[in-house]
Amino acid sequence: MQIKLAGEKHTIILKICGELDHHIASDIAARCDEALIKSNAINIIFDFSELSFMDSSGIGTIMGRYKKINGFGGNVVIAAPTSQVMRLITISGLKRIIKVTTSVENALKLI
């Protein structure tokens, strides 16, 4: 997992590669929360361009961060999900709550 800070937008860009499942979901959540505190960011972009698999634990991780960010008046955006991950985002209803776009650049424009 890579964590980048887009300072001008008060945004953390979280690039998750490989799989987001119950084995690593809690670690990702903890590292994301730590980065939010250290950076004073109020927005998160999940870069899923290299995410090959996600299960319900991943949905829980995203929703947990959404609840925190929403409390600060910030935004959460999912960028560049693969087709398999996009299917889960759509079926789970996550797409009705969180913005989804085709790239990190587009996500920064939505913030």
Foldseek 3Di string as FASTA:
>chain_A
DDWDAPLVQLEIEAEDAEEAEPVCLVVVLVVVVVCCVVSVRLEYEYEQQHYDYYDVSNVVSQVVSQVVSVVVVYAYEYEQHDPRVVVVCVVVVVCVPHHYYHHPVVVSVVD
